[in-house]
C-alpha atoms as a PDB file:
ATOM      1  CA  UNK A   1     126.288  88.202 133.114  1.00  0.00           C
ATOM      2  CA  UNK A   2     126.506  90.508 136.122  1.00  0.00           C
ATOM      3  CA  UNK A   3     124.126  89.816 138.995  1.00  0.00           C
ATOM      4  CA  UNK A   4     121.347  92.311 139.532  1.00  0.00           C
ATOM      5  CA  UNK A   5     118.818  93.106 142.214  1.00  0.00           C
ATOM      6  CA  UNK A   6     115.483  94.906 142.308  1.00  0.00           C
ATOM      7  CA  UNK A   7     115.842  98.113 144.302  1.00  0.00           C
ATOM      8  CA  UNK A   8     113.078 100.450 145.415  1.00  0.00           C
ATOM      9  CA  UNK A   9     114.109 103.954 144.363  1.00  0.00           C
ATOM     10  CA  UNK A  10     110.866 105.977 144.203  1.00  0.00           C
ATOM     11  CA  UNK A  11     108.374 106.224 147.034  1.00  0.00           C
ATOM     12  CA  UNK A  12     104.615 106.465 146.346  1.00  0.00           C
ATOM     13  CA  UNK A  13     104.564 110.228 146.989  1.00  0.00           C
ATOM     14  CA  UNK A  14     107.129 110.926 144.258  1.00  0.00           C
ATOM     15  CA  UNK A  15     105.222 108.771 141.788  1.00  0.00           C
ATOM     16  CA  UNK A  16     101.841 110.229 142.749  1.00  0.00           C
ATOM     17  CA  UNK A  17     103.148 113.772 142.316  1.00  0.00           C
ATOM     18  CA  UNK A  18     104.793 112.972 138.987  1.00  0.00           C
ATOM     19  CA  UNK A  19     101.788 111.338 137.318  1.00  0.00           C
ATOM     20  CA  UNK A  20      99.296 113.773 138.839  1.00  0.00           C
ATOM     21  CA  UNK A  21     101.210 116.688 137.342  1.00  0.00           C
ATOM     22  CA  UNK A  22     101.223 114.936 133.970  1.00  0.00           C
ATOM     23  CA  UNK A  23      97.412 114.663 134.080  1.00  0.00           C
ATOM     24  CA  UNK A  24      96.953 118.177 135.457  1.00  0.00           C
ATOM     25  CA  UNK A  25      99.057 119.726 132.709  1.00  0.00           C
ATOM     26  CA  UNK A  26      96.768 118.116 130.149  1.00  0.00           C
ATOM     27  CA  UNK A  27      93.714 119.237 132.123  1.00  0.00           C
ATOM     28  CA  UNK A  28      95.045 122.801 132.250  1.00  0.00           C
ATOM     29  CA  UNK A  29      95.331 122.883 128.467  1.00  0.00           C
ATOM     30  CA  UNK A  30      91.876 121.386 127.907  1.00  0.00           C
ATOM     31  CA  UNK A  31      90.081 123.668 130.365  1.00  0.00           C
ATOM     32  CA  UNK A  32      91.798 126.745 128.925  1.00  0.00           C
ATOM     33  CA  UNK A  33      90.891 125.798 125.356  1.00  0.00           C
ATOM     34  CA  UNK A  34      87.273 125.096 126.342  1.00  0.00           C
ATOM     35  CA  UNK A  35      87.062 128.322 128.400  1.00  0.00           C
ATOM     36  CA  UNK A  36      86.109 126.382 131.509  1.00  0.00           C
ATOM     37  CA  UNK A  37      87.594 129.049 133.744  1.00  0.00           C
ATOM     38  CA  UNK A  38      86.433 127.652 137.089  1.00  0.00           C
ATOM     39  CA  UNK A  39      87.845 124.205 136.332  1.00  0.00           C
ATOM     40  CA  UNK A  40      90.997 125.794 134.929  1.00  0.00           C
ATOM     41  CA  UNK A  41      91.445 127.720 138.189  1.00  0.00           C
ATOM     42  CA  UNK A  42      90.962 124.580 140.289  1.00  0.00           C
ATOM     43  CA  UNK A  43      93.509 122.788 138.102  1.00  0.00           C
ATOM     44  CA  UNK A  44      95.959 125.602 138.793  1.00  0.00           C
ATOM     45  CA  UNK A  45      95.392 125.283 142.533  1.00  0.00           C
ATOM     46  CA  UNK A  46      96.079 121.555 142.318  1.00  0.00           C
ATOM     47  CA  UNK A  47      99.288 122.136 140.343  1.00  0.00           C
ATOM     48  CA  UNK A  48     100.496 124.737 142.816  1.00  0.00           C
ATOM     49  CA  UNK A  49      99.697 122.436 145.738  1.00  0.00           C
ATOM     50  CA  UNK A  50     101.741 119.613 144.237  1.00  0.00           C
ATOM     51  CA  UNK A  51     104.645 121.901 143.377  1.00  0.00           C
ATOM     52  CA  UNK A  52     104.786 123.224 146.951  1.00  0.00           C
ATOM     53  CA  UNK A  53     104.557 119.660 148.244  1.00  0.00           C
ATOM     54  CA  UNK A  54     107.340 118.420 145.942  1.00  0.00           C
ATOM     55  CA  UNK A  55     109.592 121.261 147.063  1.00  0.00           C
ATOM     56  CA  UNK A  56     108.990 120.284 150.692  1.00  0.00           C
ATOM     57  CA  UNK A  57     109.450 116.601 149.871  1.00  0.00           C
ATOM     58  CA  UNK A  58     112.720 117.517 148.192  1.00  0.00           C
ATOM     59  CA  UNK A  59     113.953 118.703 151.575  1.00  0.00           C
ATOM     60  CA  UNK A  60     112.262 116.395 154.091  1.00  0.00           C
ATOM     61  CA  UNK A  61     111.259 113.361 152.020  1.00  0.00           C
ATOM     62  CA  UNK A  62     112.851 110.093 150.985  1.00  0.00           C
ATOM     63  CA  UNK A  63     116.573 110.052 150.294  1.00  0.00           C
ATOM     64  CA  UNK A  64     116.143 109.594 146.536  1.00  0.00           C
ATOM     65  CA  UNK A  65     113.631 112.470 146.399  1.00  0.00           C
ATOM     66  CA  UNK A  66     115.855 115.013 148.136  1.00  0.00           C
ATOM     67  CA  UNK A  67     117.451 117.719 146.035  1.00  0.00           C
ATOM     68  CA  UNK A  68     120.785 117.227 147.753  1.00  0.00           C
ATOM     69  CA  UNK A  69     120.781 113.616 146.525  1.00  0.00           C
ATOM     70  CA  UNK A  70     120.401 114.353 142.823  1.00  0.00           C
ATOM     71  CA  UNK A  71     121.387 117.955 142.125  1.00  0.00           C
ATOM     72  CA  UNK A  72     124.957 117.883 140.836  1.00  0.00           C
ATOM     73  CA  UNK A  73     127.061 120.524 139.067  1.00  0.00           C
ATOM     74  CA  UNK A  74     125.610 121.350 135.621  1.00  0.00           C
ATOM     75  CA  UNK A  75     128.844 120.180 134.007  1.00  0.00           C
ATOM     76  CA  UNK A  76     128.123 116.647 135.187  1.00  0.00           C
ATOM     77  CA  UNK A  77     124.729 116.820 133.520  1.00  0.00           C
ATOM     78  CA  UNK A  78     126.325 117.872 130.231  1.00  0.00           C
ATOM     79  CA  UNK A  79     128.892 115.075 130.423  1.00  0.00           C
ATOM     80  CA  UNK A  80     126.103 112.606 131.168  1.00  0.00           C
ATOM     81  CA  UNK A  81     124.183 113.631 128.053  1.00  0.00           C
ATOM     82  CA  UNK A  82     127.291 113.236 125.914  1.00  0.00           C
ATOM     83  CA  UNK A  83     127.160 109.515 126.713  1.00  0.00           C
ATOM     84  CA  UNK A  84     123.455 109.045 126.007  1.00  0.00           C
ATOM     85  CA  UNK A  85     124.326 106.870 123.005  1.00  0.00           C
ATOM     86  CA  UNK A  86     126.319 104.456 125.147  1.00  0.00           C
ATOM     87  CA  UNK A  87     124.446 101.287 126.119  1.00  0.00           C
ATOM     88  CA  UNK A  88     125.126 100.616 129.780  1.00  0.00           C
ATOM     89  CA  UNK A  89     123.479  99.410 132.955  1.00  0.00           C
ATOM     90  CA  UNK A  90     121.552 101.890 135.065  1.00  0.00           C
ATOM     91  CA  UNK A  91     123.296 102.516 138.388  1.00  0.00           C
ATOM     92  CA  UNK A  92     121.262 105.461 139.660  1.00  0.00           C
ATOM     93  CA  UNK A  93     119.093 105.198 142.775  1.00  0.00           C
ATOM     94  CA  UNK A  94     117.761 108.698 142.108  1.00  0.00           C
ATOM     95  CA  UNK A  95     117.637 111.077 139.121  1.00  0.00           C
ATOM     96  CA  UNK A  96     120.767 111.085 136.975  1.00  0.00           C
ATOM     97  CA  UNK A  97     122.959 114.166 136.650  1.00  0.00           C
ATOM     98  CA  UNK A  98     120.903 115.590 133.766  1.00  0.00           C
ATOM     99  CA  UNK A  99     117.486 114.430 134.929  1.00  0.00           C
ATOM    100  CA  UNK A 100     117.850 116.190 138.257  1.00  0.00           C
ATOM    101  CA  UNK A 101     118.011 119.573 136.533  1.00  0.00           C
ATOM    102  CA  UNK A 102     115.010 118.673 134.388  1.00  0.00           C
ATOM    103  CA  UNK A 103     113.020 118.047 137.583  1.00  0.00           C
ATOM    104  CA  UNK A 104     114.007 121.478 138.887  1.00  0.00           C
ATOM    105  CA  UNK A 105     113.090 123.109 135.564  1.00  0.00           C
ATOM    106  CA  UNK A 106     109.657 121.504 135.601  1.00  0.00           C
ATOM    107  CA  UNK A 107     108.987 122.534 139.195  1.00  0.00           C
ATOM    108  CA  UNK A 108     110.071 126.133 138.594  1.00  0.00           C
ATOM    109  CA  UNK A 109     108.043 126.453 135.398  1.00  0.00           C
ATOM    110  CA  UNK A 110     104.949 124.789 136.848  1.00  0.00           C
ATOM    111  CA  UNK A 111     105.204 126.905 139.974  1.00  0.00           C
ATOM    112  CA  UNK A 112     105.599 130.083 137.934  1.00  0.00           C
ATOM    113  CA  UNK A 113     102.726 129.089 135.633  1.00  0.00           C
ATOM    114  CA  UNK A 114     100.337 128.464 138.514  1.00  0.00           C
ATOM    115  CA  UNK A 115     101.439 131.553 140.439  1.00  0.00           C
ATOM    116  CA  UNK A 116     101.008 133.864 137.437  1.00  0.00           C
ATOM    117  CA  UNK A 117      97.532 132.417 136.989  1.00  0.00           C
ATOM    118  CA  UNK A 118      96.586 133.835 140.379  1.00  0.00           C
ATOM    119  CA  UNK A 119      97.025 137.350 138.943  1.00  0.00           C
ATOM    120  CA  UNK A 120      95.652 136.733 135.446  1.00  0.00           C
ATOM    121  CA  UNK A 121      92.466 137.826 133.693  1.00  0.00           C
ATOM    122  CA  UNK A 122      90.689 136.940 130.452  1.00  0.00           C
ATOM    123  CA  UNK A 123      89.530 140.451 129.515  1.00  0.00           C
ATOM    124  CA  UNK A 124      85.970 139.660 130.554  1.00  0.00           C
ATOM    125  CA  UNK A 125      84.532 138.878 133.967  1.00  0.00           C
ATOM    126  CA  UNK A 126      86.984 136.150 134.947  1.00  0.00           C
ATOM    127  CA  UNK A 127      90.194 136.757 136.859  1.00  0.00           C
ATOM    128  CA  UNK A 128      92.560 135.064 139.265  1.00  0.00           C
ATOM    129  CA  UNK A 129      92.012 135.405 143.015  1.00  0.00           C
ATOM    130  CA  UNK A 130      94.955 137.812 143.432  1.00  0.00           C
ATOM    131  CA  UNK A 131      94.066 140.000 140.445  1.00  0.00           C
ATOM    132  CA  UNK A 132      92.998 142.755 142.887  1.00  0.00           C
ATOM    133  CA  UNK A 133      96.595 143.167 144.067  1.00  0.00           C
ATOM    134  CA  UNK A 134      97.848 144.521 140.721  1.00  0.00           C
ATOM    135  CA  UNK A 135      96.737 146.980 138.065  1.00  0.00           C
ATOM    136  CA  UNK A 136      94.932 145.871 134.898  1.00  0.00           C
ATOM    137  CA  UNK A 137      98.086 146.579 132.875  1.00  0.00           C
ATOM    138  CA  UNK A 138     100.212 144.451 135.188  1.00  0.00           C
ATOM    139  CA  UNK A 139      97.595 141.696 135.149  1.00  0.00           C
ATOM    140  CA  UNK A 140      97.602 141.722 131.337  1.00  0.00           C
ATOM    141  CA  UNK A 141     101.405 141.486 131.329  1.00  0.00           C
ATOM    142  CA  UNK A 142     101.376 138.583 133.794  1.00  0.00           C
ATOM    143  CA  UNK A 143      98.631 136.873 131.789  1.00  0.00           C
ATOM    144  CA  UNK A 144     100.849 137.079 128.714  1.00  0.00           C
ATOM    145  CA  UNK A 145     103.677 135.394 130.564  1.00  0.00           C
ATOM    146  CA  UNK A 146     101.214 132.814 131.873  1.00  0.00           C
ATOM    147  CA  UNK A 147     100.597 131.829 128.235  1.00  0.00           C
ATOM    148  CA  UNK A 148     104.280 131.944 127.266  1.00  0.00           C
ATOM    149  CA  UNK A 149     105.379 129.692 130.115  1.00  0.00           C
ATOM    150  CA  UNK A 150     102.767 127.117 129.148  1.00  0.00           C
ATOM    151  CA  UNK A 151     104.314 126.951 125.665  1.00  0.00           C
ATOM    152  CA  UNK A 152     107.752 126.506 127.250  1.00  0.00           C
ATOM    153  CA  UNK A 153     106.344 123.702 129.399  1.00  0.00           C
ATOM    154  CA  UNK A 154     104.959 121.937 126.338  1.00  0.00           C
ATOM    155  CA  UNK A 155     108.367 122.175 124.637  1.00  0.00           C
ATOM    156  CA  UNK A 156     110.066 120.774 127.758  1.00  0.00           C
ATOM    157  CA  UNK A 157     107.572 117.909 127.881  1.00  0.00           C
ATOM    158  CA  UNK A 158     108.379 117.025 124.263  1.00  0.00           C
ATOM    159  CA  UNK A 159     112.119 117.069 124.973  1.00  0.00           C
ATOM    160  CA  UNK A 160     111.546 114.966 128.086  1.00  0.00           C
ATOM    161  CA  UNK A 161     109.608 112.330 126.142  1.00  0.00           C
ATOM    162  CA  UNK A 162     112.285 112.236 123.428  1.00  0.00           C
ATOM    163  CA  UNK A 163     114.971 111.780 126.082  1.00  0.00           C
ATOM    164  CA  UNK A 164     113.028 108.907 127.688  1.00  0.00           C
ATOM    165  CA  UNK A 165     112.783 107.209 124.293  1.00  0.00           C
ATOM    166  CA  UNK A 166     116.515 107.648 123.713  1.00  0.00           C
ATOM    167  CA  UNK A 167     117.295 106.164 127.113  1.00  0.00           C
ATOM    168  CA  UNK A 168     115.104 103.180 126.291  1.00  0.00           C
ATOM    169  CA  UNK A 169     116.439 102.601 122.767  1.00  0.00           C
ATOM    170  CA  UNK A 170     120.086 103.629 123.051  1.00  0.00           C
ATOM    171  CA  UNK A 171     120.955 102.930 126.678  1.00  0.00           C
ATOM    172  CA  UNK A 172     118.469 100.132 127.346  1.00  0.00           C
ATOM    173  CA  UNK A 173     117.099 101.876 130.438  1.00  0.00           C
ATOM    174  CA  UNK A 174     113.346 101.967 131.057  1.00  0.00           C
ATOM    175  CA  UNK A 175     112.958 105.048 133.248  1.00  0.00           C
ATOM    176  CA  UNK A 176     109.191 105.207 132.763  1.00  0.00           C
ATOM    177  CA  UNK A 177     108.734 101.716 134.211  1.00  0.00           C
ATOM    178  CA  UNK A 178     110.718 102.747 137.270  1.00  0.00           C
ATOM    179  CA  UNK A 179     108.458 105.766 137.822  1.00  0.00           C
ATOM    180  CA  UNK A 180     105.413 103.483 137.584  1.00  0.00           C
ATOM    181  CA  UNK A 181     106.595 100.652 139.838  1.00  0.00           C
ATOM    182  CA  UNK A 182     109.039 102.583 142.009  1.00  0.00           C
ATOM    183  CA  UNK A 183     111.754  99.979 141.423  1.00  0.00           C
ATOM    184  CA  UNK A 184     114.799  99.535 139.207  1.00  0.00           C
ATOM    185  CA  UNK A 185     116.941  96.549 138.312  1.00  0.00           C
ATOM    186  CA  UNK A 186     120.404  97.591 139.440  1.00  0.00           C
ATOM    187  CA  UNK A 187     123.776  95.894 139.985  1.00  0.00           C
ATOM    188  CA  UNK A 188     123.862  93.540 142.966  1.00  0.00           C
ATOM    189  CA  UNK A 189     125.048  95.234 146.124  1.00  0.00           C
ATOM    190  CA  UNK A 190     123.371  98.552 145.332  1.00  0.00           C
ATOM    191  CA  UNK A 191     122.207 100.136 148.571  1.00  0.00           C
ATOM    192  CA  UNK A 192     118.504 100.970 148.663  1.00  0.00           C
ATOM    193  CA  UNK A 193     117.823 104.632 149.472  1.00  0.00           C
ATOM    194  CA  UNK A 194     116.046 105.386 152.725  1.00  0.00           C
ATOM    195  CA  UNK A 195     112.311 105.920 152.346  1.00  0.00           C
ATOM    196  CA  UNK A 196     110.549 108.562 154.426  1.00  0.00           C
ATOM    197  CA  UNK A 197     107.496 107.844 156.556  1.00  0.00           C
ATOM    198  CA  UNK A 198     104.359 107.981 154.364  1.00  0.00           C
ATOM    199  CA  UNK A 199     102.531 109.831 157.147  1.00  0.00           C
ATOM    200  CA  UNK A 200     105.030 112.670 156.784  1.00  0.00           C
ATOM    201  CA  UNK A 201     104.096 112.887 153.116  1.00  0.00           C
ATOM    202  CA  UNK A 202     100.400 113.102 153.965  1.00  0.00           C
ATOM    203  CA  UNK A 203     101.098 115.867 156.481  1.00  0.00           C
ATOM    204  CA  UNK A 204     103.200 117.878 154.037  1.00  0.00           C
ATOM    205  CA  UNK A 205     100.592 117.480 151.295  1.00  0.00           C
ATOM    206  CA  UNK A 206      97.872 118.675 153.664  1.00  0.00           C
ATOM    207  CA  UNK A 207     100.025 121.649 154.662  1.00  0.00           C
ATOM    208  CA  UNK A 208     100.648 122.475 150.993  1.00  0.00           C
ATOM    209  CA  UNK A 209      96.930 122.332 150.229  1.00  0.00           C
ATOM    210  CA  UNK A 210      96.150 124.530 153.224  1.00  0.00           C
ATOM    211  CA  UNK A 211      98.715 127.098 152.087  1.00  0.00           C
ATOM    212  CA  UNK A 212      97.281 127.243 148.566  1.00  0.00           C
ATOM    213  CA  UNK A 213      93.743 127.490 149.942  1.00  0.00           C
ATOM    214  CA  UNK A 214      94.833 130.421 152.134  1.00  0.00           C
ATOM    215  CA  UNK A 215      96.479 132.184 149.192  1.00  0.00           C
ATOM    216  CA  UNK A 216      93.428 131.656 146.996  1.00  0.00           C
ATOM    217  CA  UNK A 217      91.176 133.248 149.635  1.00  0.00           C
ATOM    218  CA  UNK A 218      93.228 136.348 150.328  1.00  0.00           C
ATOM    219  CA  UNK A 219      90.710 138.417 148.413  1.00  0.00           C
END
């Protein structure tokens, strides 16, 4: 049996962002269904803050979190998925060739969803903080897309969960456990990716929150 070693691949900021967005997506659905507009708006601000932070962390953060570390040509992602049935050891110290594009898709959709919410209205007395910048017709159109993108997000979440199950059952790779603990069991000799200073993460998160606060108070 090949020797293995426990390698830290995900820093706390990546894991905090990931699981926070999971909870916030559920909170966004619940608050919308219950017509808790104020809480729904705050949820949107939190989502937008984390998306901005993750984009910054993808440039300045830990090696495994950087886009340049895991974004590969789409063809590599397709080839990777063709082998999803093949049981093999995990060798990735970041997202695999397909997973990297899923991360980007989630960030773009979540960012678009939260941004559109800033211009939305509910045909009563509630509206997003930037509703005043557009006409009622434009706001209605953006509100429609706000709803459509949420449905797309739900579909992507379902596909993501199915893929995680397939990785666990067919390939024998527990990607969820790695996102919880931050560590993977990889072949011996695997180099551990460089982790960024946690203080940098705190500073970037604070800057992201400040930016979203500024945007939300433009009116």
